[in-house]
Amino acid sequence: MGIVRIAIDGPSGAGKSTIAKRASAELGIEYIDTGAMYRAIAYKMNVSGIATTDEAAVEKMLAQTAIDFVDGNIIVDGRIINDEIRTHEISGMASKCSALGIVRMKLVELQKFMAQQKSVIMDGRDIGTNVIPDAEYKFFITATPKERAGRRFAELSEKGQAVTYERVLADIIERDYNDTTRKLNPLKKAHDALEIDTTGMNIEDVTNIIIQEVKKHGNIKTI
């Protein structure tokens, strides 16, 4: 069948990353967590004290930043930062970073390059509409804001982070607004994407829908 690209888009907290990871393992192809890439930039800006309004500092920082994925780990400047980027603070900052043109330009260029090299499954906000608009498979994963807030609150609480459900819900709603109204490549469903509303569904059921859809059309070349 050759190289296959799978694009999964959707709002924050819809379960995209978990679903994409499971599907990648089942299908034997590389998972590229584009959301983690934006979180990584947000994390580095945060620890470096760089404001999103300081374009010159952001541009300089980007030129000195290396991002890679190895065995499911995100590595920035040679260091694994899986846990550091999964905080509530970094999640909110990542949305603001993703609206910056110079940040999106660098990361989208890197994502496009990755998708040219081998079969991949990518999740994010504009994968099917901008990063790989010619992807062989496109899915739009969504759920109600309350459902997504409940999932995120449970995840953060389990990690010991002090947050309230109300705060998480408010941030989900704010992030939805920011992601769908930004001028540069806003979050939206690609016209040819299969939409899956995961409200009330479990991860296994959603993952199986994606896997079965892909497997309908033959084997995937993994390299």
C-alpha atoms as a PDB file:
ATOM      1  CA  MET A   1       0.000   0.000   0.000  1.00  0.00           C
ATOM      2  CA  GLY A   2       2.969   2.305   0.516  1.00  0.00           C
ATOM      3  CA  ILE A   3       3.363   5.205   2.904  1.00  0.00           C
ATOM      4  CA  VAL A   4       0.151   6.196   4.676  1.00  0.00           C
ATOM      5  CA  ARG A   5      -0.575   9.386   6.606  1.00  0.00           C
ATOM      6  CA  ILE A   6      -3.369   9.513   9.182  1.00  0.00           C
ATOM      7  CA  ALA A   7      -4.524  12.936  10.380  1.00  0.00           C
ATOM      8  CA  ILE A   8      -6.489  13.289  13.613  1.00  0.00           C
ATOM      9  CA  ASP A   9      -7.803  16.736  14.513  1.00  0.00           C
ATOM     10  CA  GLY A  10     -10.055  17.974  17.262  1.00  0.00           C
ATOM     11  CA  PRO A  11     -10.380  20.254  20.291  1.00  0.00           C
ATOM     12  CA  SER A  12      -8.448  20.017  23.556  1.00  0.00           C
ATOM     13  CA  GLY A  13      -9.357  17.093  25.784  1.00  0.00           C
ATOM     14  CA  ALA A  14     -11.133  15.052  23.108  1.00  0.00           C
ATOM     15  CA  GLY A  15      -8.747  12.114  23.588  1.00  0.00           C
ATOM     16  CA  LYS A  16      -6.800  12.543  20.346  1.00  0.00           C
ATOM     17  CA  SER A  17      -3.360  11.772  21.766  1.00  0.00           C
ATOM     18  CA  THR A  18      -4.409   8.630  23.645  1.00  0.00           C
ATOM     19  CA  ILE A  19      -6.331   7.342  20.630  1.00  0.00           C
ATOM     20  CA  ALA A  20      -3.496   8.132  18.212  1.00  0.00           C
ATOM     21  CA  LYS A  21      -0.941   6.367  20.432  1.00  0.00           C
ATOM     22  CA  ARG A  22      -3.047   3.216  20.605  1.00  0.00           C
ATOM     23  CA  ALA A  23      -3.779   3.245  16.888  1.00  0.00           C
ATOM     24  CA  SER A  24      -0.099   3.719  16.053  1.00  0.00           C
ATOM     25  CA  ALA A  25       0.853   0.701  18.146  1.00  0.00           C
ATOM     26  CA  GLU A  26      -1.850  -1.442  16.535  1.00  0.00           C
ATOM     27  CA  LEU A  27      -0.995  -0.336  13.002  1.00  0.00           C
ATOM     28  CA  GLY A  28       2.779  -0.331  13.507  1.00  0.00           C
ATOM     29  CA  ILE A  29       3.402   3.237  12.379  1.00  0.00           C
ATOM     30  CA  GLU A  30       5.070   6.278  13.968  1.00  0.00           C
ATOM     31  CA  TYR A  31       3.011   8.536  16.228  1.00  0.00           C
ATOM     32  CA  ILE A  32       3.776  12.253  15.989  1.00  0.00           C
ATOM     33  CA  ASP A  33       2.253  14.227  18.870  1.00  0.00           C
ATOM     34  CA  THR A  34       2.110  17.721  17.373  1.00  0.00           C
ATOM     35  CA  GLY A  35       0.369  19.076  20.447  1.00  0.00           C
ATOM     36  CA  ALA A  36       3.382  18.005  22.498  1.00  0.00           C
ATOM     37  CA  MET A  37       5.581  20.003  20.134  1.00  0.00           C
ATOM     38  CA  TYR A  38       3.657  23.198  20.913  1.00  0.00           C
ATOM     39  CA  ARG A  39       3.703  22.324  24.606  1.00  0.00           C
ATOM     40  CA  ALA A  40       7.470  21.866  24.352  1.00  0.00           C
ATOM     41  CA  ILE A  41       7.878  25.359  22.923  1.00  0.00           C
ATOM     42  CA  ALA A  42       5.577  26.742  25.618  1.00  0.00           C
ATOM     43  CA  TYR A  43       7.595  24.937  28.283  1.00  0.00           C
ATOM     44  CA  LYS A  44      10.898  26.294  26.992  1.00  0.00           C
ATOM     45  CA  MET A  45       9.482  29.825  26.766  1.00  0.00           C
ATOM     46  CA  ASN A  46       8.159  29.498  30.297  1.00  0.00           C
ATOM     47  CA  VAL A  47      11.416  28.333  31.881  1.00  0.00           C
ATOM     48  CA  SER A  48      13.354  30.899  29.849  1.00  0.00           C
ATOM     49  CA  GLY A  49      11.053  33.737  30.890  1.00  0.00           C
ATOM     50  CA  ILE A  50      10.145  34.615  27.293  1.00  0.00           C
ATOM     51  CA  ALA A  51       6.823  36.376  26.755  1.00  0.00           C
ATOM     52  CA  THR A  52       4.647  35.504  23.758  1.00  0.00           C
ATOM     53  CA  THR A  53       4.731  39.211  22.847  1.00  0.00           C
ATOM     54  CA  ASP A  54       8.544  39.256  22.546  1.00  0.00           C
ATOM     55  CA  GLU A  55       8.789  38.128  18.932  1.00  0.00           C
ATOM     56  CA  ALA A  56      12.549  38.662  18.646  1.00  0.00           C
ATOM     57  CA  ALA A  57      13.243  36.495  21.703  1.00  0.00           C
ATOM     58  CA  VAL A  58      10.843  33.799  20.481  1.00  0.00           C
ATOM     59  CA  GLU A  59      12.500  33.717  17.067  1.00  0.00           C
ATOM     60  CA  LYS A  60      15.980  33.445  18.620  1.00  0.00           C
ATOM     61  CA  MET A  61      14.805  30.666  20.935  1.00  0.00           C
ATOM     62  CA  LEU A  62      13.255  28.710  18.049  1.00  0.00           C
ATOM     63  CA  ALA A  63      16.515  28.841  16.103  1.00  0.00           C
ATOM     64  CA  GLN A  64      18.269  27.246  19.062  1.00  0.00           C
ATOM     65  CA  THR A  65      15.662  24.536  19.744  1.00  0.00           C
ATOM     66  CA  ALA A  66      15.781  20.906  18.603  1.00  0.00           C
ATOM     67  CA  ILE A  67      12.669  18.704  18.905  1.00  0.00           C
ATOM     68  CA  ASP A  68      12.501  14.991  18.220  1.00  0.00           C
ATOM     69  CA  PHE A  69      10.447  11.885  19.069  1.00  0.00           C
ATOM     70  CA  VAL A  70      12.160   8.650  20.107  1.00  0.00           C
ATOM     71  CA  ASP A  71      10.278   5.584  21.360  1.00  0.00           C
ATOM     72  CA  GLY A  72       7.235   7.676  22.213  1.00  0.00           C
ATOM     73  CA  ASN A  73       9.243  10.265  24.138  1.00  0.00           C
ATOM     74  CA  ILE A  74       9.439  13.929  23.202  1.00  0.00           C
ATOM     75  CA  ILE A  75      13.002  15.172  23.391  1.00  0.00           C
ATOM     76  CA  VAL A  76      13.880  18.869  23.460  1.00  0.00           C
ATOM     77  CA  ASP A  77      17.510  19.895  23.210  1.00  0.00           C
ATOM     78  CA  GLY A  78      18.557  16.361  24.089  1.00  0.00           C
ATOM     79  CA  ARG A  79      16.331  15.984  27.167  1.00  0.00           C
ATOM     80  CA  ILE A  80      13.095  13.998  27.626  1.00  0.00           C
ATOM     81  CA  ILE A  81      10.364  16.336  28.933  1.00  0.00           C
ATOM     82  CA  ASN A  82       7.240  14.141  28.819  1.00  0.00           C
ATOM     83  CA  ASP A  83       6.005  15.063  32.297  1.00  0.00           C
ATOM     84  CA  GLU A  84       7.088  18.708  32.328  1.00  0.00           C
ATOM     85  CA  ILE A  85       4.828  19.627  29.411  1.00  0.00           C
ATOM     86  CA  ARG A  86       1.674  17.989  30.821  1.00  0.00           C
ATOM     87  CA  THR A  87       0.841  20.600  33.460  1.00  0.00           C
ATOM     88  CA  HIS A  88      -2.256  22.787  33.452  1.00  0.00           C
ATOM     89  CA  GLU A  89      -0.120  25.929  33.102  1.00  0.00           C
ATOM     90  CA  ILE A  90       1.786  24.676  30.069  1.00  0.00           C
ATOM     91  CA  SER A  91      -1.436  23.464  28.434  1.00  0.00           C
ATOM     92  CA  GLY A  92      -2.879  26.981  28.492  1.00  0.00           C
ATOM     93  CA  MET A  93       0.351  28.592  27.332  1.00  0.00           C
ATOM     94  CA  ALA A  94       0.627  26.143  24.432  1.00  0.00           C
ATOM     95  CA  SER A  95      -2.607  27.492  22.957  1.00  0.00           C
ATOM     96  CA  LYS A  96      -1.172  31.001  22.951  1.00  0.00           C
ATOM     97  CA  CYS A  97       2.114  29.801  21.463  1.00  0.00           C
ATOM     98  CA  SER A  98       0.290  27.996  18.664  1.00  0.00           C
ATOM     99  CA  ALA A  99      -1.236  31.301  17.558  1.00  0.00           C
ATOM    100  CA  LEU A 100       2.210  32.800  16.916  1.00  0.00           C
ATOM    101  CA  GLY A 101       3.069  32.747  13.227  1.00  0.00           C
ATOM    102  CA  ILE A 102       6.789  32.140  13.707  1.00  0.00           C
ATOM    103  CA  VAL A 103       6.116  29.187  16.026  1.00  0.00           C
ATOM    104  CA  ARG A 104       3.589  27.564  13.697  1.00  0.00           C
ATOM    105  CA  MET A 105       5.856  28.080  10.691  1.00  0.00           C
ATOM    106  CA  LYS A 106       8.766  26.245  12.308  1.00  0.00           C
ATOM    107  CA  LEU A 107       6.728  23.373  13.715  1.00  0.00           C
ATOM    108  CA  VAL A 108       4.521  22.852  10.660  1.00  0.00           C
ATOM    109  CA  GLU A 109       7.640  22.721   8.487  1.00  0.00           C
ATOM    110  CA  LEU A 110       9.065  20.044  10.777  1.00  0.00           C
ATOM    111  CA  GLN A 111       5.780  18.117  10.832  1.00  0.00           C
ATOM    112  CA  LYS A 112       5.493  18.168   7.035  1.00  0.00           C
ATOM    113  CA  PHE A 113       9.032  16.822   6.764  1.00  0.00           C
ATOM    114  CA  MET A 114       8.248  13.972   9.169  1.00  0.00           C
ATOM    115  CA  ALA A 115       5.144  13.046   7.154  1.00  0.00           C
ATOM    116  CA  GLN A 116       7.199  12.758   3.962  1.00  0.00           C
ATOM    117  CA  GLN A 117       9.594  10.198   5.379  1.00  0.00           C
ATOM    118  CA  LYS A 118       7.371   7.328   6.541  1.00  0.00           C
ATOM    119  CA  SER A 119       3.881   6.222   7.510  1.00  0.00           C
ATOM    120  CA  VAL A 120       2.697   8.391  10.401  1.00  0.00           C
ATOM    121  CA  ILE A 121      -0.318   9.161  12.510  1.00  0.00           C
ATOM    122  CA  MET A 122      -0.472  12.786  13.641  1.00  0.00           C
ATOM    123  CA  ASP A 123      -2.901  14.546  15.910  1.00  0.00           C
ATOM    124  CA  GLY A 124      -3.427  18.249  16.447  1.00  0.00           C
ATOM    125  CA  ARG A 125      -5.594  21.179  15.420  1.00  0.00           C
ATOM    126  CA  ASP A 126      -4.799  21.632  11.706  1.00  0.00           C
ATOM    127  CA  ILE A 127      -3.264  18.357  10.571  1.00  0.00           C
ATOM    128  CA  GLY A 128      -5.880  17.473   7.965  1.00  0.00           C
ATOM    129  CA  THR A 129      -6.424  21.051   6.823  1.00  0.00           C
ATOM    130  CA  ASN A 130      -2.859  22.362   6.753  1.00  0.00           C
ATOM    131  CA  VAL A 131      -0.016  20.031   7.721  1.00  0.00           C
ATOM    132  CA  ILE A 132      -0.965  17.023   5.562  1.00  0.00           C
ATOM    133  CA  PRO A 133      -4.109  18.052   3.650  1.00  0.00           C
ATOM    134  CA  ASP A 134      -3.501  15.126   1.269  1.00  0.00           C
ATOM    135  CA  ALA A 135      -3.470  12.559   4.090  1.00  0.00           C
ATOM    136  CA  GLU A 136      -4.950   9.220   3.102  1.00  0.00           C
ATOM    137  CA  TYR A 137      -7.121   9.162   6.239  1.00  0.00           C
ATOM    138  CA  LYS A 138      -8.603  12.057   8.186  1.00  0.00           C
ATOM    139  CA  PHE A 139     -10.558  11.985  11.420  1.00  0.00           C
ATOM    140  CA  PHE A 140     -12.087  14.751  13.529  1.00  0.00           C
ATOM    141  CA  ILE A 141     -12.379  13.673  17.170  1.00  0.00           C
ATOM    142  CA  THR A 142     -14.622  15.762  19.404  1.00  0.00           C
ATOM    143  CA  ALA A 143     -16.786  15.679  22.568  1.00  0.00           C
ATOM    144  CA  THR A 144     -18.822  18.171  24.577  1.00  0.00           C
ATOM    145  CA  PRO A 145     -16.853  20.735  26.635  1.00  0.00           C
ATOM    146  CA  LYS A 146     -18.186  19.219  29.880  1.00  0.00           C
ATOM    147  CA  GLU A 147     -17.102  15.727  28.842  1.00  0.00           C
ATOM    148  CA  ARG A 148     -13.635  16.947  27.882  1.00  0.00           C
ATOM    149  CA  ALA A 149     -13.263  18.992  31.063  1.00  0.00           C
ATOM    150  CA  GLY A 150     -14.200  15.957  33.142  1.00  0.00           C
ATOM    151  CA  ARG A 151     -11.536  13.856  31.452  1.00  0.00           C
ATOM    152  CA  ARG A 152      -8.854  16.519  31.818  1.00  0.00           C
ATOM    153  CA  PHE A 153      -9.766  17.185  35.460  1.00  0.00           C
ATOM    154  CA  ALA A 154      -9.498  13.471  36.271  1.00  0.00           C
ATOM    155  CA  GLU A 155      -6.139  13.244  34.492  1.00  0.00           C
ATOM    156  CA  LEU A 156      -4.674  16.254  36.300  1.00  0.00           C
ATOM    157  CA  SER A 157      -6.058  15.199  39.678  1.00  0.00           C
ATOM    158  CA  GLU A 158      -4.532  11.761  39.244  1.00  0.00           C
ATOM    159  CA  LYS A 159      -1.160  13.432  38.732  1.00  0.00           C
ATOM    160  CA  GLY A 160      -1.616  15.369  41.967  1.00  0.00           C
ATOM    161  CA  GLN A 161      -2.143  18.779  40.374  1.00  0.00           C
ATOM    162  CA  ALA A 162      -4.307  21.176  42.381  1.00  0.00           C
ATOM    163  CA  VAL A 163      -7.072  22.230  39.982  1.00  0.00           C
ATOM    164  CA  THR A 164     -10.853  22.500  40.130  1.00  0.00           C
ATOM    165  CA  TYR A 165     -13.313  21.140  37.592  1.00  0.00           C
ATOM    166  CA  GLU A 166     -14.736  24.661  37.112  1.00  0.00           C
ATOM    167  CA  ARG A 167     -11.309  26.050  36.291  1.00  0.00           C
ATOM    168  CA  VAL A 168     -10.577  23.251  33.834  1.00  0.00           C
ATOM    169  CA  LEU A 169     -13.956  23.720  32.119  1.00  0.00           C
ATOM    170  CA  ALA A 170     -13.416  27.483  31.820  1.00  0.00           C
ATOM    171  CA  ASP A 171      -9.971  26.900  30.311  1.00  0.00           C
ATOM    172  CA  ILE A 172     -11.360  24.308  27.865  1.00  0.00           C
ATOM    173  CA  ILE A 173     -13.972  26.811  26.668  1.00  0.00           C
ATOM    174  CA  GLU A 174     -11.358  29.565  26.363  1.00  0.00           C
ATOM    175  CA  ARG A 175      -8.994  27.302  24.479  1.00  0.00           C
ATOM    176  CA  ASP A 176     -11.761  26.230  22.086  1.00  0.00           C
ATOM    177  CA  TYR A 177     -12.418  29.893  21.332  1.00  0.00           C
ATOM    178  CA  ASN A 178      -8.728  30.666  20.825  1.00  0.00           C
ATOM    179  CA  ASP A 179      -8.158  27.619  18.619  1.00  0.00           C
ATOM    180  CA  THR A 180     -11.203  28.153  16.389  1.00  0.00           C
ATOM    181  CA  THR A 181     -10.898  31.931  15.965  1.00  0.00           C
ATOM    182  CA  ARG A 182      -7.160  32.425  15.455  1.00  0.00           C
ATOM    183  CA  LYS A 183      -6.312  33.916  12.073  1.00  0.00           C
ATOM    184  CA  LEU A 184      -3.602  31.412  11.197  1.00  0.00           C
ATOM    185  CA  ASN A 185      -4.865  27.881  10.459  1.00  0.00           C
ATOM    186  CA  PRO A 186      -7.715  27.726  13.000  1.00  0.00           C
ATOM    187  CA  LEU A 187      -9.141  24.469  14.316  1.00  0.00           C
ATOM    188  CA  LYS A 188     -11.802  23.167  11.943  1.00  0.00           C
ATOM    189  CA  LYS A 189     -12.957  19.882  10.504  1.00  0.00           C
ATOM    190  CA  ALA A 190     -11.528  19.027   7.091  1.00  0.00           C
ATOM    191  CA  HIS A 191     -14.313  18.592   4.538  1.00  0.00           C
ATOM    192  CA  ASP A 192     -13.301  14.968   3.921  1.00  0.00           C
ATOM    193  CA  ALA A 193     -12.657  13.969   7.556  1.00  0.00           C
ATOM    194  CA  LEU A 194     -14.725  11.361   9.378  1.00  0.00           C
ATOM    195  CA  GLU A 195     -16.148  13.014  12.512  1.00  0.00           C
ATOM    196  CA  ILE A 196     -16.358  10.945  15.690  1.00  0.00           C
ATOM    197  CA  ASP A 197     -18.142  12.376  18.729  1.00  0.00           C
ATOM    198  CA  THR A 198     -16.557  10.536  21.652  1.00  0.00           C
ATOM    199  CA  THR A 199     -19.017  11.790  24.281  1.00  0.00           C
ATOM    200  CA  GLY A 200     -19.963   8.722  26.309  1.00  0.00           C
ATOM    201  CA  MET A 201     -17.561   6.490  24.383  1.00  0.00           C
ATOM    202  CA  ASN A 202     -14.480   4.743  25.714  1.00  0.00           C
ATOM    203  CA  ILE A 203     -10.989   4.924  24.230  1.00  0.00           C
ATOM    204  CA  GLU A 204     -11.049   1.345  22.926  1.00  0.00           C
ATOM    205  CA  ASP A 205     -14.229   1.870  20.902  1.00  0.00           C
ATOM    206  CA  VAL A 206     -12.964   5.056  19.251  1.00  0.00           C
ATOM    207  CA  THR A 207      -9.565   3.521  18.501  1.00  0.00           C
ATOM    208  CA  ASN A 208     -11.222   0.495  16.904  1.00  0.00           C
ATOM    209  CA  ILE A 209     -13.266   2.722  14.594  1.00  0.00           C
ATOM    210  CA  ILE A 210     -10.072   4.317  13.282  1.00  0.00           C
ATOM    211  CA  ILE A 211      -8.168   1.043  12.981  1.00  0.00           C
ATOM    212  CA  GLN A 212     -11.000  -0.683  11.113  1.00  0.00           C
ATOM    213  CA  GLU A 213     -11.378   2.259   8.740  1.00  0.00           C
ATOM    214  CA  VAL A 214      -7.679   2.129   7.862  1.00  0.00           C
ATOM    215  CA  LYS A 215      -7.477  -1.661   7.621  1.00  0.00           C
ATOM    216  CA  LYS A 216     -10.332  -1.724   5.106  1.00  0.00           C
ATOM    217  CA  HIS A 217      -7.882  -0.659   2.420  1.00  0.00           C
ATOM    218  CA  GLY A 218      -4.962  -3.049   2.885  1.00  0.00           C
ATOM    219  CA  ASN A 219      -1.551  -3.173   4.482  1.00  0.00           C
ATOM    220  CA  ILE A 220       0.491  -0.172   5.525  1.00  0.00           C
ATOM    221  CA  LYS A 221       4.157   0.151   4.640  1.00  0.00           C
ATOM    222  CA  THR A 222       6.155   0.780   7.816  1.00  0.00           C
ATOM    223  CA  ILE A 223       9.714   2.109   7.570  1.00  0.00           C
END
